[in-house]
Amino acid sequence: MLVTGAASGMGRATATVFAREGAKVAVTDRRLEDAEAVAAEIRAEGHDATAWALDVSNADAIAKTIPEIADALGGLDCVINNAGVPGGAPIDAPNYEAVWERALPILLTAHPRIIRAALPYLRKSKSPRIVNIASTEALGATARDSVYAAAKAGVTGLTRALAVELGKEGITVNCICPGPINTGMTQAIPEADKTTFAARRTAMRRYGEPEEVAHVTLSLCLPAASYITGATIPVDGGLMARNA
């Protein structure tokens, strides 16, 4: 299986959870040394992981690397589009278009590129799965976050469309929308602010952990999940339910 943005946070947790379940994992991230650190941790536990440098904003890198990964693993059964970057900027900010141009290739455009590159291998799989990681920002919105919200809403739309298109081939395409999760992207938020936010906005009254998202991702890739496709699943501690 392949997971992008696997050097930290939810990607790292996903790679680890899948490896512990017996998957051969391609750990990819922009910097090879970061991906290798995670792959080494997984191998130290006695599992199968290989590191690959992959800048998902680079179309040529995707076209070159995905076939290399598939050949090395002997195929591809699961593709997890997880790589992401922040995309916050007020609509009238001088750098708004620069933020848009940096974020969209990573947060949205990379997904169909990776899927297109992986399709020849997924079509040979007995249990082909695609899981796209979006965000609850695709379902609601935060001020000054329109770039990120637009990209993540695009991911949910892409998921539904590809589920319909690829369903006849037995390829499932689903989307997970994490809420507030303890990752590198939220690390800079003071703990007191996290506690206040979680108490006010989530039913569980806490931030989630990357492993809690990873296990939902795993569940969508099991052979038993063959009739789940086109779904958008919040993993948000009840944030969307509480604020509907």
C-alpha atoms as a PDB file:
ATOM      1  CA  MET A   1       0.000   0.000   0.000  1.00  0.00           C
ATOM      2  CA  LEU A   2       1.009   3.603  -0.590  1.00  0.00           C
ATOM      3  CA  VAL A   3       0.556   6.532   1.768  1.00  0.00           C
ATOM      4  CA  THR A   4       1.588  10.082   0.944  1.00  0.00           C
ATOM      5  CA  GLY A   5       2.751  12.584   3.527  1.00  0.00           C
ATOM      6  CA  ALA A   6       3.770   9.679   5.735  1.00  0.00           C
ATOM      7  CA  ALA A   7       6.670  11.262   7.614  1.00  0.00           C
ATOM      8  CA  SER A   8       4.493  12.680  10.382  1.00  0.00           C
ATOM      9  CA  GLY A   9       1.034  12.954  11.884  1.00  0.00           C
ATOM     10  CA  MET A  10      -1.805  10.996  10.352  1.00  0.00           C
ATOM     11  CA  GLY A  11       0.350   9.718   7.491  1.00  0.00           C
ATOM     12  CA  ARG A  12       2.912   8.270   9.866  1.00  0.00           C
ATOM     13  CA  ALA A  13       0.186   6.690  11.992  1.00  0.00           C
ATOM     14  CA  THR A  14      -1.476   5.253   8.892  1.00  0.00           C
ATOM     15  CA  ALA A  15       1.731   3.700   7.610  1.00  0.00           C
ATOM     16  CA  THR A  16       2.392   2.167  11.017  1.00  0.00           C
ATOM     17  CA  VAL A  17      -1.124   0.823  11.530  1.00  0.00           C
ATOM     18  CA  PHE A  18      -1.202  -0.798   8.078  1.00  0.00           C
ATOM     19  CA  ALA A  19       2.253  -2.323   8.540  1.00  0.00           C
ATOM     20  CA  ARG A  20       1.229  -3.829  11.865  1.00  0.00           C
ATOM     21  CA  GLU A  21      -1.665  -5.488  10.057  1.00  0.00           C
ATOM     22  CA  GLY A  22       0.730  -7.110   7.603  1.00  0.00           C
ATOM     23  CA  ALA A  23       0.728  -4.661   4.705  1.00  0.00           C
ATOM     24  CA  LYS A  24       3.809  -3.888   2.639  1.00  0.00           C
ATOM     25  CA  VAL A  25       3.960  -0.143   3.062  1.00  0.00           C
ATOM     26  CA  ALA A  26       5.462   2.503   0.809  1.00  0.00           C
ATOM     27  CA  VAL A  27       6.215   5.415   3.130  1.00  0.00           C
ATOM     28  CA  THR A  28       6.406   8.537   0.976  1.00  0.00           C
ATOM     29  CA  ASP A  29       7.151  12.139   1.791  1.00  0.00           C
ATOM     30  CA  ARG A  30       8.846  15.112   0.202  1.00  0.00           C
ATOM     31  CA  ARG A  31      12.143  14.501   2.012  1.00  0.00           C
ATOM     32  CA  LEU A  32      13.560  10.995   1.686  1.00  0.00           C
ATOM     33  CA  GLU A  33      15.327  11.158   5.046  1.00  0.00           C
ATOM     34  CA  ASP A  34      12.060  11.932   6.833  1.00  0.00           C
ATOM     35  CA  ALA A  35      10.266   9.062   5.109  1.00  0.00           C
ATOM     36  CA  GLU A  36      13.177   6.729   5.836  1.00  0.00           C
ATOM     37  CA  ALA A  37      13.032   7.559   9.561  1.00  0.00           C
ATOM     38  CA  VAL A  38       9.426   6.327   9.690  1.00  0.00           C
ATOM     39  CA  ALA A  39      10.149   3.276   7.538  1.00  0.00           C
ATOM     40  CA  ALA A  40      13.060   2.387   9.824  1.00  0.00           C
ATOM     41  CA  GLU A  41      10.804   2.573  12.889  1.00  0.00           C
ATOM     42  CA  ILE A  42       8.324   0.241  11.213  1.00  0.00           C
ATOM     43  CA  ARG A  43      11.038  -2.215  10.173  1.00  0.00           C
ATOM     44  CA  ALA A  44      12.412  -2.161  13.724  1.00  0.00           C
ATOM     45  CA  GLU A  45       9.053  -3.586  14.831  1.00  0.00           C
ATOM     46  CA  GLY A  46       9.529  -6.438  12.347  1.00  0.00           C
ATOM     47  CA  HIS A  47       7.208  -5.138   9.636  1.00  0.00           C
ATOM     48  CA  ASP A  48       7.642  -4.313   5.936  1.00  0.00           C
ATOM     49  CA  ALA A  49       8.196  -0.678   4.969  1.00  0.00           C
ATOM     50  CA  THR A  50      10.172   1.098   2.270  1.00  0.00           C
ATOM     51  CA  ALA A  51      10.805   4.846   2.032  1.00  0.00           C
ATOM     52  CA  TRP A  52      10.367   6.905  -1.120  1.00  0.00           C
ATOM     53  CA  ALA A  53      10.847  10.591  -1.824  1.00  0.00           C
ATOM     54  CA  LEU A  54       7.678  11.966  -3.394  1.00  0.00           C
ATOM     55  CA  ASP A  55       6.788  15.627  -3.823  1.00  0.00           C
ATOM     56  CA  VAL A  56       3.099  15.366  -4.632  1.00  0.00           C
ATOM     57  CA  SER A  57       3.065  18.859  -6.132  1.00  0.00           C
ATOM     58  CA  ASN A  58       5.360  17.574  -8.896  1.00  0.00           C
ATOM     59  CA  ALA A  59       3.500  15.802 -11.690  1.00  0.00           C
ATOM     60  CA  ASP A  60       6.667  14.297 -13.160  1.00  0.00           C
ATOM     61  CA  ALA A  61       7.689  12.884  -9.779  1.00  0.00           C
ATOM     62  CA  ILE A  62       4.298  11.223  -9.397  1.00  0.00           C
ATOM     63  CA  ALA A  63       4.420   9.695 -12.874  1.00  0.00           C
ATOM     64  CA  LYS A  64       7.894   8.312 -12.200  1.00  0.00           C
ATOM     65  CA  THR A  65       7.577   7.200  -8.583  1.00  0.00           C
ATOM     66  CA  ILE A  66       4.198   5.446  -8.463  1.00  0.00           C
ATOM     67  CA  PRO A  67       5.184   2.755 -11.007  1.00  0.00           C
ATOM     68  CA  GLU A  68       8.501   2.276  -9.189  1.00  0.00           C
ATOM     69  CA  ILE A  69       6.648   1.727  -5.920  1.00  0.00           C
ATOM     70  CA  ALA A  70       4.154  -0.663  -7.491  1.00  0.00           C
ATOM     71  CA  ASP A  71       6.935  -2.679  -9.095  1.00  0.00           C
ATOM     72  CA  ALA A  72       8.886  -2.846  -5.831  1.00  0.00           C
ATOM     73  CA  LEU A  73       5.833  -3.951  -3.833  1.00  0.00           C
ATOM     74  CA  GLY A  74       4.577  -6.373  -6.454  1.00  0.00           C
ATOM     75  CA  GLY A  75       1.438  -4.317  -7.051  1.00  0.00           C
ATOM     76  CA  LEU A  76      -0.803  -1.820  -5.282  1.00  0.00           C
ATOM     77  CA  ASP A  77      -3.951  -2.611  -3.337  1.00  0.00           C
ATOM     78  CA  CYS A  78      -4.458   0.617  -1.367  1.00  0.00           C
ATOM     79  CA  VAL A  79      -3.677   4.253  -2.097  1.00  0.00           C
ATOM     80  CA  ILE A  80      -3.991   6.755   0.741  1.00  0.00           C
ATOM     81  CA  ASN A  81      -3.860  10.393  -0.372  1.00  0.00           C
ATOM     82  CA  ASN A  82      -2.854  12.047   2.875  1.00  0.00           C
ATOM     83  CA  ALA A  83      -0.203  14.682   2.097  1.00  0.00           C
ATOM     84  CA  GLY A  84      -1.192  18.207   3.049  1.00  0.00           C
ATOM     85  CA  VAL A  85      -0.091  21.717   3.942  1.00  0.00           C
ATOM     86  CA  PRO A  86      -1.806  24.618   5.716  1.00  0.00           C
ATOM     87  CA  GLY A  87      -3.720  26.983   3.474  1.00  0.00           C
ATOM     88  CA  GLY A  88      -4.843  29.898   5.614  1.00  0.00           C
ATOM     89  CA  ALA A  89      -5.101  33.474   4.323  1.00  0.00           C
ATOM     90  CA  PRO A  90      -7.786  36.181   4.405  1.00  0.00           C
ATOM     91  CA  ILE A  91      -9.412  36.688   1.019  1.00  0.00           C
ATOM     92  CA  ASP A  92      -7.992  40.211   0.786  1.00  0.00           C
ATOM     93  CA  ALA A  93      -4.465  39.273   1.890  1.00  0.00           C
ATOM     94  CA  PRO A  94      -1.708  40.397  -0.507  1.00  0.00           C
ATOM     95  CA  ASN A  95      -0.348  36.844  -0.589  1.00  0.00           C
ATOM     96  CA  TYR A  96      -3.727  35.121  -1.097  1.00  0.00           C
ATOM     97  CA  GLU A  97      -3.009  33.957  -4.649  1.00  0.00           C
ATOM     98  CA  ALA A  98       0.456  32.757  -3.645  1.00  0.00           C
ATOM     99  CA  VAL A  99      -1.083  30.659  -0.846  1.00  0.00           C
ATOM    100  CA  TRP A 100      -3.637  29.287  -3.314  1.00  0.00           C
ATOM    101  CA  GLU A 101      -0.993  28.425  -5.893  1.00  0.00           C
ATOM    102  CA  ARG A 102       1.146  26.644  -3.298  1.00  0.00           C
ATOM    103  CA  ALA A 103      -1.649  24.746  -1.547  1.00  0.00           C
ATOM    104  CA  LEU A 104      -3.958  23.538  -4.325  1.00  0.00           C
ATOM    105  CA  PRO A 105      -1.386  21.360  -6.130  1.00  0.00           C
ATOM    106  CA  ILE A 106      -0.735  19.493  -2.868  1.00  0.00           C
ATOM    107  CA  LEU A 107      -4.202  19.471  -1.329  1.00  0.00           C
ATOM    108  CA  LEU A 108      -6.238  18.660  -4.447  1.00  0.00           C
ATOM    109  CA  THR A 109      -4.459  18.358  -7.794  1.00  0.00           C
ATOM    110  CA  ALA A 110      -2.124  15.651  -6.497  1.00  0.00           C
ATOM    111  CA  HIS A 111      -5.014  13.294  -5.762  1.00  0.00           C
ATOM    112  CA  PRO A 112      -6.182  12.618  -9.332  1.00  0.00           C
ATOM    113  CA  ARG A 113      -2.586  12.556 -10.516  1.00  0.00           C
ATOM    114  CA  ILE A 114      -1.677   9.846  -8.023  1.00  0.00           C
ATOM    115  CA  ILE A 115      -4.865   7.906  -8.703  1.00  0.00           C
ATOM    116  CA  ARG A 116      -4.278   8.032 -12.459  1.00  0.00           C
ATOM    117  CA  ALA A 117      -0.741   6.734 -11.989  1.00  0.00           C
ATOM    118  CA  ALA A 118      -1.916   3.984  -9.646  1.00  0.00           C
ATOM    119  CA  LEU A 119      -4.935   2.822 -11.669  1.00  0.00           C
ATOM    120  CA  PRO A 120      -3.141   0.219 -13.814  1.00  0.00           C
ATOM    121  CA  TYR A 121      -2.031  -1.519 -10.618  1.00  0.00           C
ATOM    122  CA  LEU A 122      -5.276  -1.078  -8.691  1.00  0.00           C
ATOM    123  CA  ARG A 123      -7.125  -2.682 -11.597  1.00  0.00           C
ATOM    124  CA  LYS A 124      -5.061  -5.839 -11.063  1.00  0.00           C
ATOM    125  CA  SER A 125      -5.789  -5.964  -7.323  1.00  0.00           C
ATOM    126  CA  LYS A 126      -8.365  -8.288  -5.782  1.00  0.00           C
ATOM    127  CA  SER A 127      -9.282  -5.626  -3.219  1.00  0.00           C
ATOM    128  CA  PRO A 128      -8.513  -2.177  -4.660  1.00  0.00           C
ATOM    129  CA  ARG A 129      -9.022   0.764  -2.320  1.00  0.00           C
ATOM    130  CA  ILE A 130      -8.522   4.519  -2.524  1.00  0.00           C
ATOM    131  CA  VAL A 131      -8.906   6.688   0.569  1.00  0.00           C
ATOM    132  CA  ASN A 132      -8.611  10.455   0.313  1.00  0.00           C
ATOM    133  CA  ILE A 133      -7.957  12.453   3.472  1.00  0.00           C
ATOM    134  CA  ALA A 134      -9.878  15.729   3.476  1.00  0.00           C
ATOM    135  CA  SER A 135     -10.986  17.712   6.537  1.00  0.00           C
ATOM    136  CA  THR A 136     -14.079  18.909   8.352  1.00  0.00           C
ATOM    137  CA  GLU A 137     -13.202  22.212   6.650  1.00  0.00           C
ATOM    138  CA  ALA A 138     -14.801  20.570   3.599  1.00  0.00           C
ATOM    139  CA  LEU A 139     -18.087  20.325   5.507  1.00  0.00           C
ATOM    140  CA  GLY A 140     -18.008  23.575   7.460  1.00  0.00           C
ATOM    141  CA  ALA A 141     -15.677  26.533   7.407  1.00  0.00           C
ATOM    142  CA  THR A 142     -13.385  28.673   9.506  1.00  0.00           C
ATOM    143  CA  ALA A 143     -12.736  32.344   8.803  1.00  0.00           C
ATOM    144  CA  ARG A 144      -9.588  33.076   6.776  1.00  0.00           C
ATOM    145  CA  ASP A 145      -9.408  29.456   5.638  1.00  0.00           C
ATOM    146  CA  SER A 146     -11.014  29.618   2.205  1.00  0.00           C
ATOM    147  CA  VAL A 147      -8.035  28.177   0.306  1.00  0.00           C
ATOM    148  CA  TYR A 148      -7.911  25.089   2.518  1.00  0.00           C
ATOM    149  CA  ALA A 149     -11.696  24.720   2.634  1.00  0.00           C
ATOM    150  CA  ALA A 150     -12.030  24.981  -1.145  1.00  0.00           C
ATOM    151  CA  ALA A 151      -9.336  22.365  -1.694  1.00  0.00           C
ATOM    152  CA  LYS A 152     -10.800  19.940   0.818  1.00  0.00           C
ATOM    153  CA  ALA A 153     -14.319  20.389  -0.570  1.00  0.00           C
ATOM    154  CA  GLY A 154     -12.809  19.529  -3.937  1.00  0.00           C
ATOM    155  CA  VAL A 155     -11.448  16.305  -2.449  1.00  0.00           C
ATOM    156  CA  THR A 156     -14.914  15.246  -1.283  1.00  0.00           C
ATOM    157  CA  GLY A 157     -16.380  15.989  -4.707  1.00  0.00           C
ATOM    158  CA  LEU A 158     -13.583  14.108  -6.435  1.00  0.00           C
ATOM    159  CA  THR A 159     -14.181  11.155  -4.125  1.00  0.00           C
ATOM    160  CA  ARG A 160     -17.873  10.915  -5.000  1.00  0.00           C
ATOM    161  CA  ALA A 161     -17.251  11.286  -8.726  1.00  0.00           C
ATOM    162  CA  LEU A 162     -14.520   8.652  -8.837  1.00  0.00           C
ATOM    163  CA  ALA A 163     -16.542   6.267  -6.697  1.00  0.00           C
ATOM    164  CA  VAL A 164     -19.240   6.377  -9.349  1.00  0.00           C
ATOM    165  CA  GLU A 165     -16.761   6.137 -12.217  1.00  0.00           C
ATOM    166  CA  LEU A 166     -14.664   3.293 -10.815  1.00  0.00           C
ATOM    167  CA  GLY A 167     -17.335   1.331  -8.985  1.00  0.00           C
ATOM    168  CA  LYS A 168     -18.005  -0.950 -11.948  1.00  0.00           C
ATOM    169  CA  GLU A 169     -14.388  -2.094 -11.664  1.00  0.00           C
ATOM    170  CA  GLY A 170     -14.698  -2.912  -7.983  1.00  0.00           C
ATOM    171  CA  ILE A 171     -12.444  -0.026  -6.931  1.00  0.00           C
ATOM    172  CA  THR A 172     -13.788   1.734  -3.862  1.00  0.00           C
ATOM    173  CA  VAL A 173     -13.090   5.430  -3.295  1.00  0.00           C
ATOM    174  CA  ASN A 174     -13.831   6.968   0.085  1.00  0.00           C
ATOM    175  CA  CYS A 175     -12.959  10.104   1.977  1.00  0.00           C
ATOM    176  CA  ILE A 176     -12.155  10.779   5.628  1.00  0.00           C
ATOM    177  CA  CYS A 177     -12.660  14.243   7.108  1.00  0.00           C
ATOM    178  CA  PRO A 178     -10.574  14.573  10.268  1.00  0.00           C
ATOM    179  CA  GLY A 179     -11.514  17.238  12.764  1.00  0.00           C
ATOM    180  CA  PRO A 180      -9.131  18.611  15.401  1.00  0.00           C
ATOM    181  CA  ILE A 181      -6.244  16.139  15.569  1.00  0.00           C
ATOM    182  CA  ASN A 182      -2.917  16.340  17.403  1.00  0.00           C
ATOM    183  CA  THR A 183      -0.516  16.590  14.454  1.00  0.00           C
ATOM    184  CA  GLY A 184       2.356  18.789  13.365  1.00  0.00           C
ATOM    185  CA  MET A 185      -0.112  21.193  11.768  1.00  0.00           C
ATOM    186  CA  THR A 186      -1.790  21.809  15.149  1.00  0.00           C
ATOM    187  CA  GLN A 187       1.342  21.574  17.283  1.00  0.00           C
ATOM    188  CA  ALA A 188       1.813  25.337  17.434  1.00  0.00           C
ATOM    189  CA  ILE A 189      -1.629  25.864  18.994  1.00  0.00           C
ATOM    190  CA  PRO A 190      -1.296  26.391  22.772  1.00  0.00           C
ATOM    191  CA  GLU A 191      -2.652  23.471  24.786  1.00  0.00           C
ATOM    192  CA  ALA A 192      -5.000  25.784  26.684  1.00  0.00           C
ATOM    193  CA  ASP A 193      -6.529  26.943  23.404  1.00  0.00           C
ATOM    194  CA  LYS A 194      -6.919  23.345  22.231  1.00  0.00           C
ATOM    195  CA  THR A 195      -8.665  22.422  25.448  1.00  0.00           C
ATOM    196  CA  THR A 196     -11.047  25.376  25.172  1.00  0.00           C
ATOM    197  CA  PHE A 197     -11.824  24.688  21.527  1.00  0.00           C
ATOM    198  CA  ALA A 198     -12.439  20.985  22.099  1.00  0.00           C
ATOM    199  CA  ALA A 199     -14.710  21.637  25.068  1.00  0.00           C
ATOM    200  CA  ARG A 200     -16.798  24.141  23.117  1.00  0.00           C
ATOM    201  CA  ARG A 201     -16.923  22.459  19.728  1.00  0.00           C
ATOM    202  CA  THR A 202     -16.592  18.660  20.019  1.00  0.00           C
ATOM    203  CA  ALA A 203     -18.859  16.092  21.644  1.00  0.00           C
ATOM    204  CA  MET A 204     -15.824  14.186  22.941  1.00  0.00           C
ATOM    205  CA  ARG A 205     -14.352  17.352  24.535  1.00  0.00           C
ATOM    206  CA  ARG A 206     -10.832  16.606  23.281  1.00  0.00           C
ATOM    207  CA  TYR A 207      -8.538  16.607  20.270  1.00  0.00           C
ATOM    208  CA  GLY A 208      -8.184  13.320  18.449  1.00  0.00           C
ATOM    209  CA  GLU A 209      -5.005  11.325  17.915  1.00  0.00           C
ATOM    210  CA  PRO A 210      -3.569  10.400  14.496  1.00  0.00           C
ATOM    211  CA  GLU A 211      -4.022   6.698  15.236  1.00  0.00           C
ATOM    212  CA  GLU A 212      -7.771   7.215  15.601  1.00  0.00           C
ATOM    213  CA  VAL A 213      -7.908   8.470  12.020  1.00  0.00           C
ATOM    214  CA  ALA A 214      -5.538   5.747  10.814  1.00  0.00           C
ATOM    215  CA  HIS A 215      -7.750   2.947  12.117  1.00  0.00           C
ATOM    216  CA  VAL A 216     -10.763   4.312  10.234  1.00  0.00           C
ATOM    217  CA  THR A 217      -8.624   4.458   7.104  1.00  0.00           C
ATOM    218  CA  LEU A 218      -7.624   0.848   7.672  1.00  0.00           C
ATOM    219  CA  SER A 219     -11.243  -0.209   8.101  1.00  0.00           C
ATOM    220  CA  LEU A 220     -12.105   1.218   4.672  1.00  0.00           C
ATOM    221  CA  CYS A 221      -9.324  -0.857   3.089  1.00  0.00           C
ATOM    222  CA  LEU A 222     -10.307  -4.222   4.505  1.00  0.00           C
ATOM    223  CA  PRO A 223     -11.804  -6.801   2.112  1.00  0.00           C
ATOM    224  CA  ALA A 224     -14.967  -6.639   4.205  1.00  0.00           C
ATOM    225  CA  ALA A 225     -15.423  -2.966   3.208  1.00  0.00           C
ATOM    226  CA  SER A 226     -16.042  -3.845  -0.438  1.00  0.00           C
ATOM    227  CA  TYR A 227     -19.558  -2.293  -0.464  1.00  0.00           C
ATOM    228  CA  ILE A 228     -18.562   1.067   1.028  1.00  0.00           C
ATOM    229  CA  THR A 229     -17.751   3.634  -1.630  1.00  0.00           C
ATOM    230  CA  GLY A 230     -18.351   7.321  -2.233  1.00  0.00           C
ATOM    231  CA  ALA A 231     -18.582   7.902   1.513  1.00  0.00           C
ATOM    232  CA  THR A 232     -17.368  10.978   3.360  1.00  0.00           C
ATOM    233  CA  ILE A 233     -16.711  10.055   6.970  1.00  0.00           C
ATOM    234  CA  PRO A 234     -15.979  12.676   9.640  1.00  0.00           C
ATOM    235  CA  VAL A 235     -13.496  11.530  12.290  1.00  0.00           C
ATOM    236  CA  ASP A 236     -13.968  14.587  14.415  1.00  0.00           C
ATOM    237  CA  GLY A 237     -15.040  13.702  17.937  1.00  0.00           C
ATOM    238  CA  GLY A 238     -18.576  14.794  17.075  1.00  0.00           C
ATOM    239  CA  LEU A 239     -17.609  18.311  15.941  1.00  0.00           C
ATOM    240  CA  MET A 240     -19.934  18.352  12.946  1.00  0.00           C
ATOM    241  CA  ALA A 241     -22.762  16.700  14.877  1.00  0.00           C
ATOM    242  CA  ARG A 242     -22.535  19.188  17.713  1.00  0.00           C
ATOM    243  CA  ASN A 243     -22.374  22.198  15.418  1.00  0.00           C
ATOM    244  CA  ALA A 244     -24.886  21.149  12.771  1.00  0.00           C
END
